[in-house]
Amino acid sequence: MDRELSIDTSGYFSCLVQRDDRHREAAAILRDARGHRHLVTTDYVLDELFTLPRARCLGHLVDRVFEITFSSRVCRVEWMYRARFEVVPDYLRQHADHACSFTDCFSFCFMVQLGLGEALTEDEHFRAAGFRPLLA
């Protein structure tokens, strides 16, 4: 098991929304991770997280997540910068047969860079990219 766990938009969403089908499972994974694993996300995932609940009339849930994420000692944000940005289009071209978003590809690239194998997500694109999606 990796010391760090990537958290994707759908993983955050499942944790936030109690009526989500994966809420209990996501909350249990976070409880089990507490004390021995750190969470890692990206600024692009946070962008999606800001947009998704608002589109589903759940925008009130987002502000607290940002506050917790940025003040947490166990969660950190990996930021997009030029060198990382330039790698993502190459990844997209090499995996043109997968219908992944740019954000997902950025996640895959940073996960490879950091040696991460698991993600708190229900997105099957992570499995297709060689990672273990814990909610899929």
N, C-alpha and C. Protein backbone atom coordinates (compact mmCIF):
# COMPACT_ATOMS: atom_id res chain seq x y z
N MET A 1 0.84 -1.18 0.00
CA MET A 1 0.00 0.00 0.00
C MET A 1 0.89 1.25 0.00
N ASP A 2 0.53 2.20 -0.86
CA ASP A 2 1.28 3.46 -0.94
C ASP A 2 1.08 4.27 0.34
N ARG A 3 2.09 5.01 0.69
CA ARG A 3 2.00 5.93 1.84
C ARG A 3 1.07 7.10 1.53
N GLU A 4 0.99 7.46 0.23
CA GLU A 4 0.12 8.55 -0.19
C GLU A 4 -0.99 8.02 -1.08
N LEU A 5 -2.13 8.67 -0.99
CA LEU A 5 -3.31 8.28 -1.74
C LEU A 5 -3.80 9.48 -2.53
N SER A 6 -3.89 9.32 -3.83
CA SER A 6 -4.41 10.38 -4.67
C SER A 6 -5.93 10.46 -4.49
N ILE A 7 -6.46 11.67 -4.43
CA ILE A 7 -7.90 11.83 -4.33
C ILE A 7 -8.38 12.64 -5.53
N ASP A 8 -9.32 12.04 -6.25
CA ASP A 8 -9.85 12.61 -7.48
C ASP A 8 -11.20 13.27 -7.19
N THR A 9 -11.73 13.96 -8.18
CA THR A 9 -12.99 14.69 -8.03
C THR A 9 -14.11 13.79 -7.53
N SER A 10 -14.28 12.63 -8.13
CA SER A 10 -15.38 11.75 -7.72
C SER A 10 -15.17 11.23 -6.30
N GLY A 11 -13.93 11.07 -5.87
CA GLY A 11 -13.66 10.65 -4.49
C GLY A 11 -14.06 11.73 -3.51
N TYR A 12 -13.68 12.97 -3.81
CA TYR A 12 -14.11 14.09 -2.98
C TYR A 12 -15.63 14.16 -2.94
N PHE A 13 -16.26 14.07 -4.12
CA PHE A 13 -17.71 14.19 -4.22
C PHE A 13 -18.40 13.11 -3.38
N SER A 14 -17.90 11.89 -3.48
CA SER A 14 -18.50 10.79 -2.69
C SER A 14 -18.37 11.04 -1.19
N CYS A 15 -17.25 11.61 -0.78
CA CYS A 15 -17.07 11.93 0.63
C CYS A 15 -18.03 13.03 1.08
N LEU A 16 -18.26 14.00 0.23
CA LEU A 16 -19.07 15.17 0.57
C LEU A 16 -20.57 14.91 0.61
N VAL A 17 -21.04 14.13 -0.33
CA VAL A 17 -22.49 14.00 -0.55
C VAL A 17 -22.98 12.69 0.06
N GLN A 18 -23.70 12.81 1.15
CA GLN A 18 -24.15 11.63 1.88
C GLN A 18 -25.07 10.73 1.07
N ARG A 19 -25.80 11.29 0.13
CA ARG A 19 -26.71 10.46 -0.68
C ARG A 19 -26.00 9.82 -1.88
N ASP A 20 -24.72 10.11 -2.05
CA ASP A 20 -23.95 9.49 -3.13
C ASP A 20 -23.83 7.99 -2.87
N ASP A 21 -23.93 7.19 -3.94
CA ASP A 21 -23.87 5.73 -3.82
C ASP A 21 -22.60 5.22 -3.15
N ARG A 22 -21.52 5.95 -3.27
CA ARG A 22 -20.22 5.51 -2.73
C ARG A 22 -19.82 6.25 -1.45
N HIS A 23 -20.73 7.02 -0.87
CA HIS A 23 -20.39 7.84 0.29
C HIS A 23 -19.83 7.01 1.45
N ARG A 24 -20.52 5.97 1.83
CA ARG A 24 -20.06 5.16 2.98
C ARG A 24 -18.70 4.53 2.70
N GLU A 25 -18.54 4.02 1.52
CA GLU A 25 -17.26 3.39 1.14
C GLU A 25 -16.13 4.42 1.16
N ALA A 26 -16.38 5.60 0.58
CA ALA A 26 -15.36 6.65 0.55
C ALA A 26 -15.02 7.12 1.96
N ALA A 27 -16.02 7.31 2.79
CA ALA A 27 -15.78 7.75 4.17
C ALA A 27 -14.99 6.69 4.94
N ALA A 28 -15.28 5.42 4.70
CA ALA A 28 -14.54 4.34 5.38
C ALA A 28 -13.08 4.31 4.94
N ILE A 29 -12.83 4.53 3.66
CA ILE A 29 -11.46 4.56 3.16
C ILE A 29 -10.69 5.70 3.82
N LEU A 30 -11.32 6.86 3.92
CA LEU A 30 -10.65 7.99 4.58
C LEU A 30 -10.41 7.71 6.06
N ARG A 31 -11.38 7.10 6.71
CA ARG A 31 -11.20 6.74 8.14
C ARG A 31 -10.03 5.78 8.30
N ASP A 32 -9.97 4.77 7.43
CA ASP A 32 -8.90 3.78 7.50
C ASP A 32 -7.54 4.39 7.19
N ALA A 33 -7.52 5.40 6.33
CA ALA A 33 -6.26 6.05 5.95
C ALA A 33 -5.74 6.98 7.04
N ARG A 34 -6.63 7.45 7.88
CA ARG A 34 -6.26 8.42 8.90
C ARG A 34 -5.12 7.88 9.77
N GLY A 35 -4.09 8.67 9.89
CA GLY A 35 -2.98 8.31 10.76
C GLY A 35 -1.83 7.62 10.06
N HIS A 36 -2.06 7.01 8.89
CA HIS A 36 -0.95 6.33 8.24
C HIS A 36 -0.83 6.59 6.73
N ARG A 37 -1.72 7.39 6.18
CA ARG A 37 -1.62 7.76 4.77
C ARG A 37 -1.89 9.24 4.61
N HIS A 38 -1.24 9.83 3.63
CA HIS A 38 -1.50 11.22 3.29
C HIS A 38 -2.27 11.27 1.98
N LEU A 39 -3.09 12.29 1.84
CA LEU A 39 -3.86 12.50 0.62
C LEU A 39 -3.13 13.50 -0.26
N VAL A 40 -3.21 13.26 -1.57
CA VAL A 40 -2.61 14.16 -2.54
C VAL A 40 -3.66 14.43 -3.62
N THR A 41 -3.84 15.68 -3.95
CA THR A 41 -4.75 16.06 -5.02
C THR A 41 -4.06 17.11 -5.88
N THR A 42 -4.76 17.61 -6.88
CA THR A 42 -4.19 18.63 -7.75
C THR A 42 -5.08 19.86 -7.81
N ASP A 43 -4.50 20.94 -8.25
CA ASP A 43 -5.29 22.15 -8.44
C ASP A 43 -6.35 21.93 -9.51
N TYR A 44 -6.10 21.08 -10.48
CA TYR A 44 -7.10 20.80 -11.51
C TYR A 44 -8.27 20.01 -10.94
N VAL A 45 -8.01 19.07 -10.05
CA VAL A 45 -9.09 18.35 -9.38
C VAL A 45 -9.92 19.32 -8.54
N LEU A 46 -9.25 20.23 -7.84
CA LEU A 46 -9.99 21.21 -7.05
C LEU A 46 -10.84 22.11 -7.94
N ASP A 47 -10.35 22.42 -9.13
CA ASP A 47 -11.16 23.18 -10.08
C ASP A 47 -12.44 22.40 -10.42
N GLU A 48 -12.29 21.13 -10.75
CA GLU A 48 -13.47 20.30 -11.04
C GLU A 48 -14.38 20.20 -9.82
N LEU A 49 -13.79 20.07 -8.66
CA LEU A 49 -14.57 19.95 -7.43
C LEU A 49 -15.38 21.21 -7.15
N PHE A 50 -14.83 22.34 -7.49
CA PHE A 50 -15.55 23.59 -7.32
C PHE A 50 -16.75 23.65 -8.26
N THR A 51 -16.59 23.11 -9.48
CA THR A 51 -17.62 23.18 -10.51
C THR A 51 -18.72 22.14 -10.34
N LEU A 52 -18.36 20.89 -10.07
CA LEU A 52 -19.32 19.78 -10.04
C LEU A 52 -20.45 19.98 -9.03
N PRO A 53 -20.18 20.22 -7.76
CA PRO A 53 -21.30 20.40 -6.82
C PRO A 53 -22.17 21.61 -7.17
N ARG A 54 -21.57 22.66 -7.65
CA ARG A 54 -22.36 23.83 -8.04
C ARG A 54 -23.31 23.48 -9.18
N ALA A 55 -22.85 22.67 -10.13
CA ALA A 55 -23.70 22.25 -11.24
C ALA A 55 -24.84 21.36 -10.76
N ARG A 56 -24.65 20.72 -9.62
CA ARG A 56 -25.68 19.83 -9.07
C ARG A 56 -26.41 20.46 -7.87
N CYS A 57 -26.35 21.78 -7.79
CA CYS A 57 -27.03 22.56 -6.73
C CYS A 57 -26.56 22.16 -5.33
N LEU A 58 -25.29 21.83 -5.20
CA LEU A 58 -24.70 21.45 -3.92
C LEU A 58 -23.48 22.31 -3.61
N GLY A 59 -23.45 23.49 -4.17
CA GLY A 59 -22.30 24.37 -4.03
C GLY A 59 -21.94 24.71 -2.60
N HIS A 60 -22.93 24.66 -1.71
CA HIS A 60 -22.68 24.97 -0.30
C HIS A 60 -21.68 24.01 0.35
N LEU A 61 -21.47 22.87 -0.24
CA LEU A 61 -20.55 21.87 0.33
C LEU A 61 -19.08 22.19 0.05
N VAL A 62 -18.82 23.02 -0.93
CA VAL A 62 -17.46 23.19 -1.43
C VAL A 62 -16.57 24.05 -0.54
N ASP A 63 -17.08 25.14 -0.03
CA ASP A 63 -16.24 26.07 0.72
C ASP A 63 -15.48 25.39 1.86
N ARG A 64 -16.15 24.55 2.60
CA ARG A 64 -15.52 23.85 3.73
C ARG A 64 -14.41 22.92 3.25
N VAL A 65 -14.62 22.28 2.10
CA VAL A 65 -13.61 21.36 1.57
C VAL A 65 -12.33 22.11 1.25
N PHE A 66 -12.47 23.27 0.64
CA PHE A 66 -11.28 24.06 0.32
C PHE A 66 -10.56 24.48 1.60
N GLU A 67 -11.32 24.89 2.58
CA GLU A 67 -10.72 25.29 3.86
C GLU A 67 -9.97 24.12 4.50
N ILE A 68 -10.59 22.97 4.53
CA ILE A 68 -9.98 21.78 5.13
C ILE A 68 -8.75 21.34 4.32
N THR A 69 -8.87 21.31 3.00
CA THR A 69 -7.77 20.88 2.15
C THR A 69 -6.53 21.75 2.35
N PHE A 70 -6.73 23.06 2.35
CA PHE A 70 -5.57 23.96 2.42
C PHE A 70 -5.01 24.12 3.83
N SER A 71 -5.77 23.71 4.85
CA SER A 71 -5.24 23.81 6.21
C SER A 71 -4.78 22.45 6.75
N SER A 72 -5.00 21.40 6.00
CA SER A 72 -4.71 20.05 6.45
C SER A 72 -3.21 19.75 6.48
N ARG A 73 -2.82 18.96 7.46
CA ARG A 73 -1.44 18.47 7.53
C ARG A 73 -1.31 17.14 6.80
N VAL A 74 -2.44 16.52 6.44
CA VAL A 74 -2.39 15.20 5.79
C VAL A 74 -2.83 15.24 4.33
N CYS A 75 -3.19 16.40 3.83
CA CYS A 75 -3.55 16.52 2.42
C CYS A 75 -2.75 17.65 1.81
N ARG A 76 -2.19 17.36 0.64
CA ARG A 76 -1.46 18.42 -0.04
C ARG A 76 -1.92 18.52 -1.49
N VAL A 77 -1.69 19.67 -2.05
CA VAL A 77 -2.09 19.95 -3.42
C VAL A 77 -0.84 20.00 -4.30
N GLU A 78 -0.86 19.22 -5.35
CA GLU A 78 0.18 19.27 -6.37
C GLU A 78 -0.30 20.25 -7.44
N TRP A 79 0.55 21.18 -7.82
CA TRP A 79 0.18 22.26 -8.72
C TRP A 79 0.67 22.03 -10.14
N MET A 80 -0.16 22.47 -11.08
CA MET A 80 0.24 22.44 -12.47
C MET A 80 1.26 23.55 -12.69
N TYR A 81 2.31 23.24 -13.39
CA TYR A 81 3.28 24.24 -13.82
C TYR A 81 3.73 23.83 -15.21
N ARG A 82 4.50 24.68 -15.85
CA ARG A 82 4.80 24.51 -17.28
C ARG A 82 5.33 23.11 -17.62
N ALA A 83 6.31 22.62 -16.89
CA ALA A 83 6.90 21.31 -17.22
C ALA A 83 5.86 20.20 -17.10
N ARG A 84 5.00 20.28 -16.12
CA ARG A 84 3.94 19.27 -15.98
C ARG A 84 2.91 19.42 -17.10
N PHE A 85 2.56 20.65 -17.41
CA PHE A 85 1.58 20.89 -18.47
C PHE A 85 2.07 20.30 -19.80
N GLU A 86 3.33 20.47 -20.09
CA GLU A 86 3.89 20.00 -21.36
C GLU A 86 3.89 18.48 -21.49
N VAL A 87 3.88 17.77 -20.38
CA VAL A 87 3.87 16.31 -20.40
C VAL A 87 2.48 15.76 -20.72
N VAL A 88 1.45 16.47 -20.31
CA VAL A 88 0.08 15.96 -20.45
C VAL A 88 -0.34 15.78 -21.91
N PRO A 89 -0.13 16.73 -22.81
CA PRO A 89 -0.50 16.47 -24.21
C PRO A 89 0.22 15.26 -24.81
N ASP A 90 1.48 15.04 -24.41
CA ASP A 90 2.20 13.85 -24.87
C ASP A 90 1.48 12.58 -24.38
N TYR A 91 1.06 12.59 -23.12
CA TYR A 91 0.34 11.45 -22.57
C TYR A 91 -0.97 11.25 -23.34
N LEU A 92 -1.69 12.34 -23.59
CA LEU A 92 -2.96 12.25 -24.34
C LEU A 92 -2.74 11.64 -25.73
N ARG A 93 -1.69 12.06 -26.42
CA ARG A 93 -1.40 11.51 -27.75
C ARG A 93 -1.05 10.03 -27.68
N GLN A 94 -0.28 9.64 -26.69
CA GLN A 94 0.13 8.24 -26.55
C GLN A 94 -1.04 7.34 -26.17
N HIS A 95 -2.06 7.91 -25.55
CA HIS A 95 -3.22 7.14 -25.10
C HIS A 95 -4.50 7.66 -25.74
N ALA A 96 -4.42 7.95 -27.02
CA ALA A 96 -5.55 8.52 -27.75
C ALA A 96 -6.77 7.61 -27.77
N ASP A 97 -6.55 6.31 -27.53
CA ASP A 97 -7.66 5.36 -27.53
C ASP A 97 -8.48 5.42 -26.25
N HIS A 98 -8.03 6.16 -25.24
CA HIS A 98 -8.77 6.32 -23.98
C HIS A 98 -9.45 7.69 -23.97
N ALA A 99 -10.68 7.71 -23.52
CA ALA A 99 -11.46 8.95 -23.50
C ALA A 99 -11.28 9.67 -22.16
N CYS A 100 -10.07 10.05 -21.87
CA CYS A 100 -9.74 10.69 -20.60
C CYS A 100 -9.77 12.20 -20.74
N SER A 101 -10.10 12.86 -19.65
CA SER A 101 -10.04 14.32 -19.63
C SER A 101 -8.59 14.76 -19.42
N PHE A 102 -8.33 16.01 -19.72
CA PHE A 102 -7.02 16.58 -19.47
C PHE A 102 -6.68 16.48 -17.99
N THR A 103 -7.66 16.75 -17.14
CA THR A 103 -7.45 16.67 -15.68
C THR A 103 -7.06 15.26 -15.26
N ASP A 104 -7.75 14.26 -15.80
CA ASP A 104 -7.39 12.87 -15.48
C ASP A 104 -5.96 12.58 -15.93
N CYS A 105 -5.61 13.01 -17.12
CA CYS A 105 -4.25 12.75 -17.62
C CYS A 105 -3.20 13.44 -16.77
N PHE A 106 -3.50 14.64 -16.31
CA PHE A 106 -2.59 15.31 -15.38
C PHE A 106 -2.45 14.47 -14.11
N SER A 107 -3.57 13.95 -13.61
CA SER A 107 -3.52 13.09 -12.42
C SER A 107 -2.65 11.87 -12.68
N PHE A 108 -2.81 11.23 -13.83
CA PHE A 108 -2.01 10.05 -14.14
C PHE A 108 -0.53 10.40 -14.17
N CYS A 109 -0.21 11.51 -14.80
CA CYS A 109 1.20 11.92 -14.92
C CYS A 109 1.81 12.22 -13.56
N PHE A 110 1.09 12.95 -12.70
CA PHE A 110 1.67 13.27 -11.40
C PHE A 110 1.73 12.02 -10.52
N MET A 111 0.77 11.09 -10.70
CA MET A 111 0.82 9.85 -9.92
C MET A 111 2.04 9.02 -10.31
N VAL A 112 2.33 8.96 -11.58
CA VAL A 112 3.55 8.26 -12.04
C VAL A 112 4.77 8.96 -11.46
N GLN A 113 4.80 10.28 -11.56
CA GLN A 113 5.94 11.06 -11.06
C GLN A 113 6.19 10.80 -9.58
N LEU A 114 5.11 10.66 -8.79
CA LEU A 114 5.25 10.45 -7.35
C LEU A 114 5.24 8.98 -6.93
N GLY A 115 5.06 8.08 -7.88
CA GLY A 115 5.05 6.65 -7.58
C GLY A 115 3.79 6.19 -6.86
N LEU A 116 2.66 6.81 -7.16
CA LEU A 116 1.39 6.44 -6.51
C LEU A 116 0.66 5.40 -7.34
N GLY A 117 0.01 4.46 -6.68
CA GLY A 117 -0.70 3.41 -7.38
C GLY A 117 -2.19 3.40 -7.18
N GLU A 118 -2.69 4.12 -6.16
CA GLU A 118 -4.12 4.09 -5.84
C GLU A 118 -4.70 5.49 -5.82
N ALA A 119 -6.00 5.54 -6.15
CA ALA A 119 -6.70 6.82 -6.12
C ALA A 119 -8.08 6.62 -5.51
N LEU A 120 -8.48 7.56 -4.69
CA LEU A 120 -9.84 7.58 -4.17
C LEU A 120 -10.70 8.19 -5.28
N THR A 121 -11.24 7.32 -6.11
CA THR A 121 -12.03 7.71 -7.27
C THR A 121 -12.91 6.55 -7.67
N GLU A 122 -13.97 6.86 -8.39
CA GLU A 122 -14.77 5.80 -9.01
C GLU A 122 -14.59 5.81 -10.53
N ASP A 123 -13.67 6.60 -10.98
CA ASP A 123 -13.40 6.78 -12.41
C ASP A 123 -12.60 5.59 -12.95
N GLU A 124 -13.20 4.82 -13.84
CA GLU A 124 -12.55 3.64 -14.42
C GLU A 124 -11.36 3.99 -15.31
N HIS A 125 -11.26 5.27 -15.72
CA HIS A 125 -10.10 5.66 -16.52
C HIS A 125 -8.81 5.44 -15.74
N PHE A 126 -8.87 5.52 -14.42
CA PHE A 126 -7.69 5.29 -13.60
C PHE A 126 -7.23 3.84 -13.74
N ARG A 127 -8.17 2.91 -13.77
CA ARG A 127 -7.82 1.49 -13.94
C ARG A 127 -7.19 1.29 -15.32
N ALA A 128 -7.80 1.86 -16.35
CA ALA A 128 -7.29 1.73 -17.71
C ALA A 128 -5.87 2.30 -17.83
N ALA A 129 -5.56 3.30 -16.98
CA ALA A 129 -4.23 3.91 -17.00
C ALA A 129 -3.24 3.17 -16.11
N GLY A 130 -3.68 2.09 -15.47
CA GLY A 130 -2.78 1.27 -14.68
C GLY A 130 -2.79 1.54 -13.18
N PHE A 131 -3.78 2.28 -12.71
CA PHE A 131 -3.89 2.59 -11.28
C PHE A 131 -5.08 1.85 -10.69
N ARG A 132 -5.14 1.82 -9.38
CA ARG A 132 -6.24 1.14 -8.67
C ARG A 132 -7.23 2.20 -8.17
N PRO A 133 -8.41 2.28 -8.82
CA PRO A 133 -9.46 3.20 -8.33
C PRO A 133 -10.21 2.54 -7.18
N LEU A 134 -10.14 3.09 -6.00
CA LEU A 134 -10.66 2.43 -4.80
C LEU A 134 -12.19 2.41 -4.72
N LEU A 135 -12.87 3.20 -5.53
CA LEU A 135 -14.34 3.23 -5.48
C LEU A 135 -14.98 2.63 -6.73
N ALA A 136 -14.19 2.08 -7.64
CA ALA A 136 -14.75 1.55 -8.89
C ALA A 136 -15.04 0.07 -8.77
